[in-house]
N, C-alpha and C. Protein backbone atom coordinates (compact mmCIF):
# COMPACT_ATOMS: atom_id res chain seq x y z
N MET A 1 -6.96 17.04 -38.55
CA MET A 1 -5.68 17.24 -37.90
C MET A 1 -5.89 17.65 -36.44
N ALA A 2 -6.81 18.58 -36.20
CA ALA A 2 -7.05 19.05 -34.84
C ALA A 2 -7.59 17.93 -33.96
N SER A 3 -8.44 17.05 -34.52
CA SER A 3 -8.97 15.96 -33.72
C SER A 3 -7.87 14.98 -33.33
N THR A 4 -6.88 14.78 -34.18
CA THR A 4 -5.75 13.91 -33.85
C THR A 4 -4.94 14.50 -32.70
N GLN A 5 -4.73 15.80 -32.73
CA GLN A 5 -4.00 16.46 -31.65
C GLN A 5 -4.77 16.36 -30.34
N HIS A 6 -6.08 16.53 -30.40
CA HIS A 6 -6.91 16.41 -29.20
C HIS A 6 -6.84 14.99 -28.64
N PHE A 7 -6.84 14.01 -29.53
CA PHE A 7 -6.76 12.61 -29.10
C PHE A 7 -5.42 12.34 -28.41
N VAL A 8 -4.34 12.86 -28.97
CA VAL A 8 -3.01 12.66 -28.38
C VAL A 8 -2.95 13.32 -27.01
N ILE A 9 -3.48 14.51 -26.88
CA ILE A 9 -3.49 15.21 -25.60
C ILE A 9 -4.32 14.43 -24.58
N LEU A 10 -5.48 13.94 -25.00
CA LEU A 10 -6.33 13.15 -24.12
C LEU A 10 -5.63 11.88 -23.68
N ALA A 11 -4.93 11.22 -24.60
CA ALA A 11 -4.21 9.98 -24.27
C ALA A 11 -3.10 10.25 -23.25
N ILE A 12 -2.41 11.35 -23.40
CA ILE A 12 -1.35 11.72 -22.44
C ILE A 12 -1.95 11.99 -21.06
N ILE A 13 -3.04 12.73 -21.03
CA ILE A 13 -3.70 13.03 -19.75
C ILE A 13 -4.16 11.74 -19.07
N LEU A 14 -4.75 10.84 -19.82
CA LEU A 14 -5.20 9.56 -19.25
C LEU A 14 -4.03 8.73 -18.74
N ALA A 15 -2.92 8.74 -19.48
CA ALA A 15 -1.75 7.98 -19.04
C ALA A 15 -1.20 8.51 -17.73
N ILE A 16 -1.29 9.81 -17.54
CA ILE A 16 -0.79 10.42 -16.30
C ILE A 16 -1.73 10.16 -15.13
N PHE A 17 -3.03 10.30 -15.35
CA PHE A 17 -3.98 10.25 -14.24
C PHE A 17 -4.67 8.90 -14.04
N ALA A 18 -4.60 8.00 -15.01
CA ALA A 18 -5.32 6.72 -14.89
C ALA A 18 -4.91 5.92 -13.66
N PRO A 19 -3.61 5.79 -13.33
CA PRO A 19 -3.28 5.00 -12.13
C PRO A 19 -3.93 5.53 -10.86
N SER A 20 -4.01 6.84 -10.68
CA SER A 20 -4.63 7.37 -9.47
C SER A 20 -6.15 7.24 -9.52
N ILE A 21 -6.74 7.31 -10.69
CA ILE A 21 -8.18 7.14 -10.83
C ILE A 21 -8.58 5.70 -10.54
N LEU A 22 -7.75 4.75 -10.98
CA LEU A 22 -8.04 3.34 -10.81
C LEU A 22 -7.61 2.80 -9.45
N ALA A 23 -6.90 3.60 -8.66
CA ALA A 23 -6.36 3.14 -7.39
C ALA A 23 -7.48 2.77 -6.41
N THR A 24 -7.18 1.76 -5.60
CA THR A 24 -8.10 1.31 -4.57
C THR A 24 -7.45 1.53 -3.21
N ASP A 25 -8.23 2.02 -2.25
CA ASP A 25 -7.78 2.11 -0.87
C ASP A 25 -8.24 0.86 -0.14
N TYR A 26 -7.29 0.07 0.35
CA TYR A 26 -7.61 -1.13 1.11
C TYR A 26 -7.45 -0.84 2.60
N ILE A 27 -8.52 -0.95 3.34
CA ILE A 27 -8.46 -0.81 4.79
C ILE A 27 -7.94 -2.14 5.33
N VAL A 28 -6.70 -2.14 5.79
CA VAL A 28 -6.07 -3.38 6.24
C VAL A 28 -6.83 -3.92 7.44
N GLY A 29 -7.29 -5.17 7.31
CA GLY A 29 -8.07 -5.80 8.37
C GLY A 29 -9.54 -5.43 8.35
N ASP A 30 -9.96 -4.70 7.31
CA ASP A 30 -11.35 -4.25 7.18
C ASP A 30 -11.81 -3.62 8.50
N GLY A 31 -12.90 -4.08 9.07
CA GLY A 31 -13.46 -3.48 10.29
C GLY A 31 -12.61 -3.69 11.53
N LYS A 32 -11.75 -4.70 11.53
CA LYS A 32 -10.88 -4.96 12.69
C LYS A 32 -9.72 -3.98 12.75
N GLY A 33 -9.30 -3.48 11.60
CA GLY A 33 -8.16 -2.57 11.57
C GLY A 33 -6.84 -3.29 11.78
N TRP A 34 -5.84 -2.54 12.17
CA TRP A 34 -4.48 -3.04 12.39
C TRP A 34 -4.36 -3.35 13.87
N THR A 35 -4.44 -4.63 14.21
CA THR A 35 -4.50 -5.05 15.60
C THR A 35 -3.83 -6.41 15.77
N ILE A 36 -3.69 -6.87 16.98
CA ILE A 36 -3.12 -8.19 17.21
C ILE A 36 -4.22 -9.24 17.13
N ASN A 37 -3.82 -10.51 17.07
CA ASN A 37 -4.74 -11.65 17.01
C ASN A 37 -5.66 -11.59 15.79
N PHE A 38 -5.08 -11.24 14.63
CA PHE A 38 -5.83 -11.19 13.38
C PHE A 38 -4.94 -11.77 12.29
N ASP A 39 -5.48 -12.58 11.41
CA ASP A 39 -4.72 -13.23 10.35
C ASP A 39 -4.70 -12.33 9.10
N TYR A 40 -3.67 -11.51 8.99
CA TYR A 40 -3.58 -10.58 7.87
C TYR A 40 -3.26 -11.27 6.55
N GLN A 41 -2.59 -12.40 6.60
CA GLN A 41 -2.35 -13.14 5.36
C GLN A 41 -3.66 -13.68 4.82
N ALA A 42 -4.55 -14.14 5.69
CA ALA A 42 -5.88 -14.58 5.24
C ALA A 42 -6.66 -13.39 4.68
N TRP A 43 -6.53 -12.23 5.32
CA TRP A 43 -7.21 -11.02 4.84
C TRP A 43 -6.73 -10.67 3.43
N ALA A 44 -5.43 -10.79 3.18
CA ALA A 44 -4.86 -10.41 1.88
C ALA A 44 -5.12 -11.46 0.80
N GLN A 45 -5.39 -12.70 1.23
CA GLN A 45 -5.61 -13.80 0.29
C GLN A 45 -6.75 -13.46 -0.69
N GLY A 46 -6.48 -13.60 -1.96
CA GLY A 46 -7.50 -13.37 -2.98
C GLY A 46 -7.65 -11.92 -3.41
N LYS A 47 -6.99 -11.00 -2.71
CA LYS A 47 -7.03 -9.59 -3.13
C LYS A 47 -5.93 -9.35 -4.16
N MET A 48 -6.23 -8.54 -5.15
CA MET A 48 -5.25 -8.17 -6.16
C MET A 48 -4.82 -6.74 -5.87
N PHE A 49 -3.57 -6.56 -5.52
CA PHE A 49 -3.03 -5.24 -5.24
C PHE A 49 -2.27 -4.77 -6.47
N TYR A 50 -2.48 -3.52 -6.84
CA TYR A 50 -1.84 -2.95 -8.02
C TYR A 50 -1.06 -1.70 -7.66
N VAL A 51 -0.07 -1.40 -8.49
CA VAL A 51 0.69 -0.17 -8.33
C VAL A 51 -0.31 0.99 -8.31
N GLY A 52 -0.17 1.87 -7.34
CA GLY A 52 -1.07 3.01 -7.18
C GLY A 52 -2.09 2.80 -6.07
N ASP A 53 -2.35 1.54 -5.70
CA ASP A 53 -3.27 1.27 -4.59
C ASP A 53 -2.66 1.75 -3.28
N ASN A 54 -3.51 1.91 -2.28
CA ASN A 54 -3.07 2.33 -0.95
C ASN A 54 -3.49 1.30 0.09
N LEU A 55 -2.59 1.05 1.03
CA LEU A 55 -2.93 0.27 2.22
C LEU A 55 -3.16 1.27 3.33
N VAL A 56 -4.35 1.22 3.93
CA VAL A 56 -4.72 2.15 5.00
C VAL A 56 -4.73 1.35 6.30
N PHE A 57 -3.96 1.82 7.26
CA PHE A 57 -3.83 1.15 8.55
C PHE A 57 -4.54 1.97 9.61
N ASN A 58 -5.65 1.44 10.10
CA ASN A 58 -6.43 2.10 11.15
C ASN A 58 -6.21 1.37 12.47
N TYR A 59 -5.89 2.13 13.49
CA TYR A 59 -5.66 1.56 14.83
C TYR A 59 -5.70 2.71 15.83
N PRO A 60 -5.91 2.38 17.11
CA PRO A 60 -5.90 3.45 18.11
C PRO A 60 -4.50 4.05 18.22
N GLN A 61 -4.41 5.36 18.07
CA GLN A 61 -3.12 6.03 18.14
C GLN A 61 -2.45 5.73 19.48
N GLY A 62 -1.17 5.40 19.42
CA GLY A 62 -0.41 5.09 20.62
C GLY A 62 -0.43 3.62 21.00
N VAL A 63 -1.28 2.82 20.32
CA VAL A 63 -1.37 1.39 20.64
C VAL A 63 -0.50 0.57 19.70
N HIS A 64 -0.51 0.89 18.40
CA HIS A 64 0.29 0.17 17.40
C HIS A 64 1.05 1.19 16.57
N ASN A 65 1.75 0.72 15.56
CA ASN A 65 2.43 1.59 14.61
C ASN A 65 2.64 0.81 13.31
N VAL A 66 3.18 1.48 12.33
CA VAL A 66 3.48 0.87 11.03
C VAL A 66 4.84 1.41 10.60
N TYR A 67 5.67 0.54 10.04
CA TYR A 67 6.95 0.98 9.51
C TYR A 67 6.92 0.91 7.99
N LYS A 68 7.32 2.00 7.36
CA LYS A 68 7.49 2.04 5.91
C LYS A 68 8.99 1.94 5.67
N VAL A 69 9.43 0.82 5.04
CA VAL A 69 10.86 0.57 4.92
C VAL A 69 11.30 0.56 3.47
N ASN A 70 12.60 0.54 3.26
CA ASN A 70 13.17 0.54 1.91
C ASN A 70 13.11 -0.85 1.29
N GLY A 71 13.64 -1.00 0.08
CA GLY A 71 13.60 -2.27 -0.63
C GLY A 71 14.25 -3.41 0.13
N THR A 72 15.38 -3.14 0.78
CA THR A 72 16.04 -4.18 1.56
C THR A 72 15.15 -4.62 2.72
N GLY A 73 14.53 -3.66 3.38
CA GLY A 73 13.62 -3.99 4.47
C GLY A 73 12.45 -4.83 3.99
N PHE A 74 11.92 -4.50 2.79
CA PHE A 74 10.83 -5.30 2.22
C PHE A 74 11.31 -6.72 1.93
N GLN A 75 12.48 -6.84 1.30
CA GLN A 75 12.99 -8.16 0.94
C GLN A 75 13.24 -9.03 2.16
N GLU A 76 13.78 -8.42 3.22
CA GLU A 76 14.09 -9.17 4.43
C GLU A 76 12.93 -9.19 5.42
N CYS A 77 11.90 -8.41 5.13
CA CYS A 77 10.76 -8.27 6.02
C CYS A 77 11.25 -7.92 7.42
N ALA A 78 12.13 -6.93 7.46
CA ALA A 78 12.72 -6.48 8.73
C ALA A 78 12.76 -4.95 8.73
N VAL A 79 12.74 -4.39 9.91
CA VAL A 79 12.79 -2.94 10.05
C VAL A 79 14.24 -2.54 10.28
N PRO A 80 14.86 -1.85 9.31
CA PRO A 80 16.25 -1.43 9.49
C PRO A 80 16.37 -0.40 10.62
N ALA A 81 17.54 -0.35 11.23
CA ALA A 81 17.80 0.62 12.29
C ALA A 81 17.58 2.04 11.76
N GLY A 82 17.01 2.88 12.57
CA GLY A 82 16.82 4.28 12.21
C GLY A 82 15.53 4.60 11.49
N VAL A 83 14.74 3.60 11.12
CA VAL A 83 13.47 3.85 10.43
C VAL A 83 12.43 4.25 11.48
N MET A 84 11.80 5.37 11.25
CA MET A 84 10.80 5.88 12.19
C MET A 84 9.43 5.27 11.89
N PRO A 85 8.71 4.90 12.92
CA PRO A 85 7.37 4.33 12.70
C PRO A 85 6.35 5.40 12.34
N LEU A 86 5.32 4.98 11.61
CA LEU A 86 4.14 5.82 11.39
C LEU A 86 3.23 5.55 12.58
N THR A 87 2.70 6.59 13.19
CA THR A 87 1.98 6.41 14.46
C THR A 87 0.67 7.18 14.53
N SER A 88 0.15 7.63 13.40
CA SER A 88 -1.04 8.49 13.43
C SER A 88 -2.32 7.76 13.79
N GLY A 89 -2.34 6.43 13.59
CA GLY A 89 -3.58 5.68 13.78
C GLY A 89 -4.41 5.61 12.52
N ASN A 90 -4.00 6.34 11.50
CA ASN A 90 -4.65 6.33 10.18
C ASN A 90 -3.56 6.50 9.13
N ASP A 91 -2.64 5.55 9.08
CA ASP A 91 -1.48 5.65 8.21
C ASP A 91 -1.78 5.06 6.84
N VAL A 92 -1.26 5.70 5.81
CA VAL A 92 -1.49 5.26 4.43
C VAL A 92 -0.13 4.99 3.79
N ILE A 93 0.00 3.79 3.22
CA ILE A 93 1.19 3.45 2.46
C ILE A 93 0.76 3.21 1.02
N ASN A 94 1.33 4.01 0.12
CA ASN A 94 1.05 3.88 -1.30
C ASN A 94 1.92 2.78 -1.88
N LEU A 95 1.32 1.89 -2.64
CA LEU A 95 2.05 0.81 -3.30
C LEU A 95 2.55 1.35 -4.63
N ALA A 96 3.72 1.97 -4.61
CA ALA A 96 4.23 2.72 -5.75
C ALA A 96 4.96 1.87 -6.78
N THR A 97 5.41 0.68 -6.38
CA THR A 97 6.17 -0.16 -7.31
C THR A 97 5.68 -1.60 -7.22
N PRO A 98 5.83 -2.37 -8.30
CA PRO A 98 5.42 -3.78 -8.24
C PRO A 98 6.39 -4.61 -7.41
N GLY A 99 5.93 -5.78 -6.98
CA GLY A 99 6.79 -6.71 -6.26
C GLY A 99 6.24 -7.05 -4.88
N ARG A 100 7.01 -7.81 -4.14
CA ARG A 100 6.63 -8.26 -2.80
C ARG A 100 6.84 -7.11 -1.82
N LYS A 101 5.85 -6.86 -0.99
CA LYS A 101 5.91 -5.81 0.03
C LYS A 101 5.65 -6.43 1.39
N CYS A 102 6.44 -6.04 2.35
CA CYS A 102 6.25 -6.52 3.72
C CYS A 102 6.07 -5.31 4.62
N ILE A 103 4.97 -5.29 5.33
CA ILE A 103 4.68 -4.23 6.29
C ILE A 103 4.65 -4.89 7.64
N ARG A 104 5.37 -4.33 8.61
CA ARG A 104 5.38 -5.00 9.90
C ARG A 104 5.52 -4.02 11.05
N THR A 105 5.21 -4.54 12.22
CA THR A 105 5.47 -3.87 13.48
C THR A 105 6.20 -4.89 14.34
N ASP A 106 6.34 -4.61 15.61
CA ASP A 106 6.98 -5.58 16.50
C ASP A 106 6.14 -6.86 16.60
N GLU A 107 4.82 -6.75 16.44
CA GLU A 107 3.92 -7.88 16.67
C GLU A 107 3.19 -8.37 15.42
N LEU A 108 3.08 -7.54 14.39
CA LEU A 108 2.22 -7.83 13.25
C LEU A 108 3.01 -7.81 11.94
N THR A 109 2.62 -8.68 11.01
CA THR A 109 3.26 -8.71 9.71
C THR A 109 2.21 -8.90 8.62
N LEU A 110 2.34 -8.15 7.54
CA LEU A 110 1.50 -8.30 6.36
C LEU A 110 2.41 -8.33 5.15
N VAL A 111 2.32 -9.37 4.34
CA VAL A 111 3.09 -9.47 3.11
C VAL A 111 2.09 -9.51 1.96
N VAL A 112 2.26 -8.62 0.97
CA VAL A 112 1.40 -8.59 -0.20
C VAL A 112 2.27 -8.57 -1.45
N HIS A 113 1.70 -9.02 -2.55
CA HIS A 113 2.37 -8.94 -3.85
C HIS A 113 1.63 -7.93 -4.70
N VAL A 114 2.37 -6.96 -5.22
CA VAL A 114 1.80 -5.85 -5.99
C VAL A 114 2.08 -6.07 -7.47
N GLU A 115 1.02 -6.01 -8.29
CA GLU A 115 1.11 -6.19 -9.73
C GLU A 115 1.11 -4.84 -10.45
N SER A 116 1.68 -4.82 -11.63
CA SER A 116 1.56 -3.64 -12.50
C SER A 116 0.18 -3.68 -13.15
N HIS A 117 -0.35 -2.52 -13.51
CA HIS A 117 -1.64 -2.49 -14.23
C HIS A 117 -1.46 -3.00 -15.62
């Protein structure tokens, strides 16, 4: 009986923490980072993005930015009025839900499809 309870507790703990344990941090653009004159769709081609993964945007602070937008912004691949840019130069966007995601700036666009585990 006690071993069954331990198994149930272990299963619950794994269900809670497994997505973060399995998560991958993708450095967008690899060594090039988030910059102009780079084919981000080619970079994303063949990569499997899953819920819980992170997109890490590295760029010189003050040179570029990243906008994290709501579902409508993702669907339209547009930055709604009033959305503040991320500007740290090391911005992380967690892929929290499945579906099509569009990340953009005034000059750059990245569209990825996120799968459930």
